[in-house]
N, C-alpha and C. Protein backbone atom coordinates (compact mmCIF):
# COMPACT_ATOMS: atom_id res chain seq x y z
N MET A 1 14.12 -1.73 -23.34
CA MET A 1 13.67 -1.58 -22.45
C MET A 1 14.29 -0.26 -21.90
N LYS A 2 13.45 0.38 -21.66
CA LYS A 2 13.52 1.86 -20.89
C LYS A 2 13.82 1.44 -19.48
N ASP A 3 14.55 1.91 -18.50
CA ASP A 3 14.54 2.21 -17.28
C ASP A 3 13.97 3.01 -16.63
N ARG A 4 12.88 2.15 -15.76
CA ARG A 4 11.43 2.77 -15.41
C ARG A 4 12.33 3.59 -13.67
N LYS A 5 11.73 5.04 -13.89
CA LYS A 5 12.03 5.73 -12.70
C LYS A 5 11.25 6.01 -11.32
N THR A 6 11.32 4.86 -10.38
CA THR A 6 10.26 4.60 -9.69
C THR A 6 10.57 5.86 -8.30
N ILE A 7 9.35 5.72 -7.41
CA ILE A 7 8.57 6.95 -6.81
C ILE A 7 8.37 6.16 -5.36
N THR A 8 8.82 5.80 -4.47
CA THR A 8 8.69 5.35 -3.09
C THR A 8 8.59 6.08 -1.76
N ARG A 9 7.59 5.68 -1.21
CA ARG A 9 7.04 6.11 0.02
C ARG A 9 7.25 5.34 0.87
N THR A 10 8.16 5.03 2.48
CA THR A 10 7.71 4.60 3.56
C THR A 10 6.78 5.03 4.57
N THR A 11 5.69 3.87 4.75
CA THR A 11 4.68 3.88 5.98
C THR A 11 5.05 2.57 6.95
N SER A 12 3.81 2.40 7.65
CA SER A 12 3.85 1.37 8.90
C SER A 12 2.26 1.08 9.33
N VAL A 13 1.97 -0.25 9.36
CA VAL A 13 0.91 -0.63 9.53
C VAL A 13 0.58 -0.24 11.25
N LYS A 14 -0.71 0.89 11.81
CA LYS A 14 -0.32 1.18 12.62
C LYS A 14 -1.99 0.85 13.51
N ASN A 15 -2.61 0.45 12.84
CA ASN A 15 -3.85 -0.04 13.54
C ASN A 15 -3.51 -1.46 14.80
N GLU A 16 -4.29 -1.87 15.63
CA GLU A 16 -3.57 -3.19 16.57
C GLU A 16 -4.65 -4.26 15.23
N PHE A 17 -4.70 -4.03 14.75
CA PHE A 17 -6.07 -5.81 14.21
C PHE A 17 -4.83 -5.93 12.65
N GLY A 18 -3.61 -5.12 13.00
CA GLY A 18 -3.02 -5.13 11.54
C GLY A 18 -3.63 -5.29 9.96
N MET A 19 -2.92 -5.94 9.47
CA MET A 19 -3.48 -5.73 7.63
C MET A 19 -4.90 -7.20 7.82
N HIS A 20 -6.00 -6.92 7.30
CA HIS A 20 -7.19 -7.89 7.18
C HIS A 20 -7.58 -7.10 6.15
N ALA A 21 -8.87 -8.41 5.87
CA ALA A 21 -9.68 -7.96 4.43
C ALA A 21 -10.18 -6.58 4.03
N ARG A 22 -10.99 -5.89 4.76
CA ARG A 22 -11.32 -4.72 5.07
C ARG A 22 -10.49 -3.72 4.18
N PRO A 23 -9.15 -3.05 5.19
CA PRO A 23 -7.99 -2.33 4.27
C PRO A 23 -7.15 -2.70 3.20
N ALA A 24 -7.16 -4.38 3.11
CA ALA A 24 -6.12 -4.88 1.87
C ALA A 24 -7.27 -4.58 0.52
N SER A 25 -8.58 -4.31 1.07
CA SER A 25 -10.12 -4.36 -0.60
C SER A 25 -9.73 -2.96 -0.42
N ARG A 26 -9.39 -2.12 0.41
CA ARG A 26 -9.84 -0.84 0.32
C ARG A 26 -8.50 0.06 -0.53
N ILE A 27 -7.35 -0.81 -0.09
CA ILE A 27 -5.92 -0.51 -0.59
C ILE A 27 -5.91 -0.77 -2.09
N ALA A 28 -6.63 -2.03 -2.73
CA ALA A 28 -6.34 -2.61 -3.87
C ALA A 28 -7.41 -1.73 -4.74
N GLN A 29 -8.82 -1.19 -4.36
CA GLN A 29 -9.32 -0.05 -4.77
C GLN A 29 -8.88 1.17 -5.30
N ILE A 30 -8.01 1.96 -4.06
CA ILE A 30 -7.22 2.84 -4.61
C ILE A 30 -6.13 2.66 -5.44
N ALA A 31 -5.32 1.58 -5.40
CA ALA A 31 -4.46 1.49 -6.19
C ALA A 31 -5.14 1.16 -7.81
N GLY A 32 -6.10 1.10 -7.88
CA GLY A 32 -6.74 0.01 -9.38
C GLY A 32 -6.67 1.37 -10.04
N SER A 33 -6.96 2.76 -9.06
CA SER A 33 -7.41 4.19 -9.87
C SER A 33 -6.06 4.50 -10.46
N ALA A 34 -4.99 3.80 -10.15
CA ALA A 34 -4.02 4.33 -10.91
C ALA A 34 -3.50 3.76 -12.55
N GLN A 35 -2.76 4.99 -13.21
CA GLN A 35 -2.65 4.90 -14.55
C GLN A 35 -1.61 3.54 -15.19
N PHE A 36 -0.65 3.80 -13.68
CA PHE A 36 0.42 2.61 -14.25
C PHE A 36 0.63 1.71 -12.96
N ASN A 37 1.34 0.82 -12.82
CA ASN A 37 1.79 0.22 -11.69
C ASN A 37 1.82 0.51 -10.28
N ILE A 38 1.44 -0.02 -9.34
CA ILE A 38 1.59 0.26 -7.67
C ILE A 38 2.03 -1.32 -7.44
N TRP A 39 3.05 -1.14 -6.32
CA TRP A 39 3.36 -2.33 -5.98
C TRP A 39 3.57 -1.56 -4.00
N LEU A 40 3.54 -2.81 -3.57
CA LEU A 40 3.79 -2.82 -2.09
C LEU A 40 4.61 -3.53 -1.76
N HIS A 41 5.43 -3.28 -0.88
CA HIS A 41 6.84 -4.42 0.01
C HIS A 41 6.63 -4.31 1.10
N ALA A 42 6.14 -5.09 1.83
CA ALA A 42 7.15 -5.79 3.02
C ALA A 42 7.67 -6.93 3.21
N ASN A 43 9.00 -6.26 4.83
CA ASN A 43 10.13 -7.49 4.87
C ASN A 43 10.91 -7.42 2.90
N THR A 44 10.95 -9.08 2.35
CA THR A 44 11.77 -9.26 1.19
C THR A 44 10.36 -9.15 -0.01
N THR A 45 8.90 -9.05 0.62
CA THR A 45 8.07 -9.08 -0.57
C THR A 45 7.65 -8.04 -0.83
N ARG A 46 7.18 -8.28 -2.48
CA ARG A 46 6.86 -7.03 -3.06
C ARG A 46 5.79 -7.95 -3.95
N ILE A 47 4.58 -6.99 -4.34
CA ILE A 47 2.95 -7.41 -4.59
C ILE A 47 2.84 -6.24 -5.50
N ASP A 48 2.04 -6.68 -6.02
CA ASP A 48 0.88 -6.08 -6.87
C ASP A 48 -0.18 -5.65 -5.93
N ALA A 49 -0.02 -4.23 -5.81
CA ALA A 49 -0.89 -3.23 -4.72
C ALA A 49 -2.68 -3.26 -5.18
N THR A 50 -2.94 -3.60 -6.46
CA THR A 50 -4.52 -3.92 -7.24
C THR A 50 -5.09 -5.39 -6.80
N SER A 51 -4.36 -6.53 -6.42
CA SER A 51 -4.82 -7.61 -5.72
C SER A 51 -4.89 -7.73 -4.29
N THR A 52 -6.30 -7.40 -3.79
CA THR A 52 -6.77 -7.91 -2.24
C THR A 52 -5.86 -8.85 -1.73
N LEU A 53 -5.86 -10.24 -2.50
CA LEU A 53 -5.32 -10.81 -2.07
C LEU A 53 -3.81 -11.03 -1.94
N ASP A 54 -3.42 -10.52 -2.80
CA ASP A 54 -1.83 -10.06 -2.91
C ASP A 54 -1.24 -9.61 -1.46
N ILE A 55 -2.30 -8.64 -1.25
CA ILE A 55 -1.93 -7.41 -0.46
C ILE A 55 -1.91 -8.68 1.47
N LEU A 56 -3.32 -9.62 1.12
CA LEU A 56 -3.36 -10.46 2.66
C LEU A 56 -1.91 -11.12 2.57
N THR A 57 -1.41 -11.40 1.78
CA THR A 57 -0.66 -12.47 1.62
C THR A 57 0.64 -11.87 2.66
N LEU A 58 0.92 -10.40 2.76
CA LEU A 58 2.28 -9.98 3.48
C LEU A 58 2.02 -10.22 4.91
N CYS A 59 0.79 -10.67 5.30
CA CYS A 59 0.43 -10.86 6.74
C CYS A 59 1.22 -9.26 7.59
N ALA A 60 0.68 -8.59 7.19
CA ALA A 60 1.25 -7.46 7.71
C ALA A 60 0.58 -7.33 9.31
N ALA A 61 1.20 -6.95 10.47
CA ALA A 61 0.98 -7.35 11.47
C ALA A 61 1.17 -5.71 11.95
N LYS A 62 0.73 -4.83 13.37
CA LYS A 62 0.58 -3.96 13.48
C LYS A 62 2.83 -3.39 13.46
N GLY A 63 2.66 -2.44 13.31
CA GLY A 63 4.44 -2.43 13.27
C GLY A 63 5.27 -2.93 11.96
N THR A 64 4.71 -3.66 11.28
CA THR A 64 4.81 -3.42 10.03
C THR A 64 5.22 -2.38 9.20
N ASP A 65 6.55 -2.26 8.78
CA ASP A 65 6.99 -1.07 7.78
C ASP A 65 6.29 -1.62 6.29
N ILE A 66 5.87 -0.58 5.43
CA ILE A 66 5.17 -1.11 4.44
C ILE A 66 5.97 -0.09 3.47
N VAL A 67 6.20 -0.59 1.96
CA VAL A 67 6.78 0.18 1.17
C VAL A 67 6.11 -0.04 0.14
N VAL A 68 5.52 1.81 -0.46
CA VAL A 68 4.70 1.85 -1.34
C VAL A 68 5.55 2.13 -2.22
N GLU A 69 5.28 2.05 -3.87
CA GLU A 69 5.98 2.29 -4.72
C GLU A 69 4.93 2.62 -6.34
N ILE A 70 5.27 3.36 -7.10
CA ILE A 70 5.03 3.92 -8.12
C ILE A 70 5.75 3.46 -9.48
N GLU A 71 5.15 3.31 -10.53
CA GLU A 71 6.43 3.70 -11.42
C GLU A 71 6.13 4.82 -12.19
N ASN A 72 5.03 5.69 -11.86
CA ASN A 72 5.20 7.15 -12.62
C ASN A 72 4.45 7.99 -11.82
N GLN A 73 5.23 9.37 -12.28
CA GLN A 73 4.60 10.60 -11.18
C GLN A 73 3.56 10.95 -11.34
N LYS A 74 2.79 10.37 -12.30
CA LYS A 74 1.38 10.57 -12.74
C LYS A 74 0.10 10.13 -11.90
N ASP A 75 1.21 8.82 -10.90
CA ASP A 75 -0.03 8.28 -9.70
C ASP A 75 0.77 8.50 -8.71
N MET A 76 1.07 10.48 -7.97
CA MET A 76 1.42 10.63 -7.20
C MET A 76 0.13 10.69 -6.18
N ASP A 77 -1.62 11.08 -6.47
CA ASP A 77 -2.18 11.46 -5.62
C ASP A 77 -2.71 9.58 -5.45
N VAL A 78 -2.42 8.92 -6.12
CA VAL A 78 -2.79 7.60 -6.28
C VAL A 78 -1.97 7.09 -4.48
N LEU A 79 -0.68 7.58 -5.11
CA LEU A 79 -0.01 6.91 -3.54
C LEU A 79 -0.14 8.14 -2.23
N ASP A 80 -0.14 9.24 -2.68
CA ASP A 80 -0.61 9.91 -1.32
C ASP A 80 -1.67 9.22 -0.68
N ARG A 81 -2.88 8.91 -1.47
CA ARG A 81 -4.41 8.09 -0.88
C ARG A 81 -3.73 7.24 0.00
N ILE A 82 -2.88 5.84 -0.46
CA ILE A 82 -2.33 5.49 0.04
C ILE A 82 -1.53 4.98 1.44
N ILE A 83 -1.14 6.16 1.25
CA ILE A 83 -0.33 6.64 2.34
C ILE A 83 -0.91 6.95 3.74
N ASP A 84 -2.50 7.70 3.14
CA ASP A 84 -2.89 8.42 3.79
C ASP A 84 -3.47 7.64 4.68
N PHE A 85 -4.08 6.77 4.05
CA PHE A 85 -5.08 5.64 4.35
C PHE A 85 -4.36 4.56 5.74
N PHE A 86 -2.95 4.42 5.30
CA PHE A 86 -1.75 4.14 6.42
C PHE A 86 -2.06 4.59 7.47
N GLU A 87 -1.95 5.84 7.45
CA GLU A 87 -1.23 6.80 8.20
C GLU A 87 -2.14 7.14 9.28
N ALA A 88 -3.74 6.58 8.60
CA ALA A 88 -4.60 7.02 9.40
C ALA A 88 -5.19 5.58 10.10
N GLY A 89 -4.34 4.88 9.87
CA GLY A 89 -4.47 3.51 10.74
C GLY A 89 -5.96 2.88 10.00
N PHE A 90 -5.89 2.92 8.74
CA PHE A 90 -7.35 2.35 8.21
C PHE A 90 -8.38 2.74 8.56
N GLY A 91 -8.56 3.84 9.42
CA GLY A 91 -9.90 4.15 10.53
C GLY A 91 -10.27 3.64 11.26
N GLU A 92 -8.90 2.54 12.02
CA GLU A 92 -9.12 1.98 13.42
C GLU A 92 -8.62 2.04 14.33
N LEU A 93 -8.08 3.49 14.48
CA LEU A 93 -7.12 3.74 15.41
C LEU A 93 -7.94 3.94 16.43
N GLN A 94 -8.01 3.54 17.78
CA GLN A 94 -8.71 3.73 19.23
C GLN A 94 -8.68 5.20 19.41
N ARG A 95 -9.10 5.63 19.85
CA ARG A 95 -9.29 7.27 20.21
C ARG A 95 -8.87 7.08 21.57
């Protein structure tokens, strides 16, 4: 088996409500457009980013650091979209 060169970026949960069903579903939808596997890491847990249920098991509250990992550079646009969604507070930041 070849060693894979993964690419990671770190972000955090910024909205007051933390990770809940709506943003988890949207992240899974974005990740589902990738050509290769995409993973999310929180603390010591690594999950499949295409699974809404797996994302919810992270129990990511506001301030939780999240690492987004892609397995191939061809999915950089997907990585960027997931990071942007986190950075926008899932569209739930108070003004």
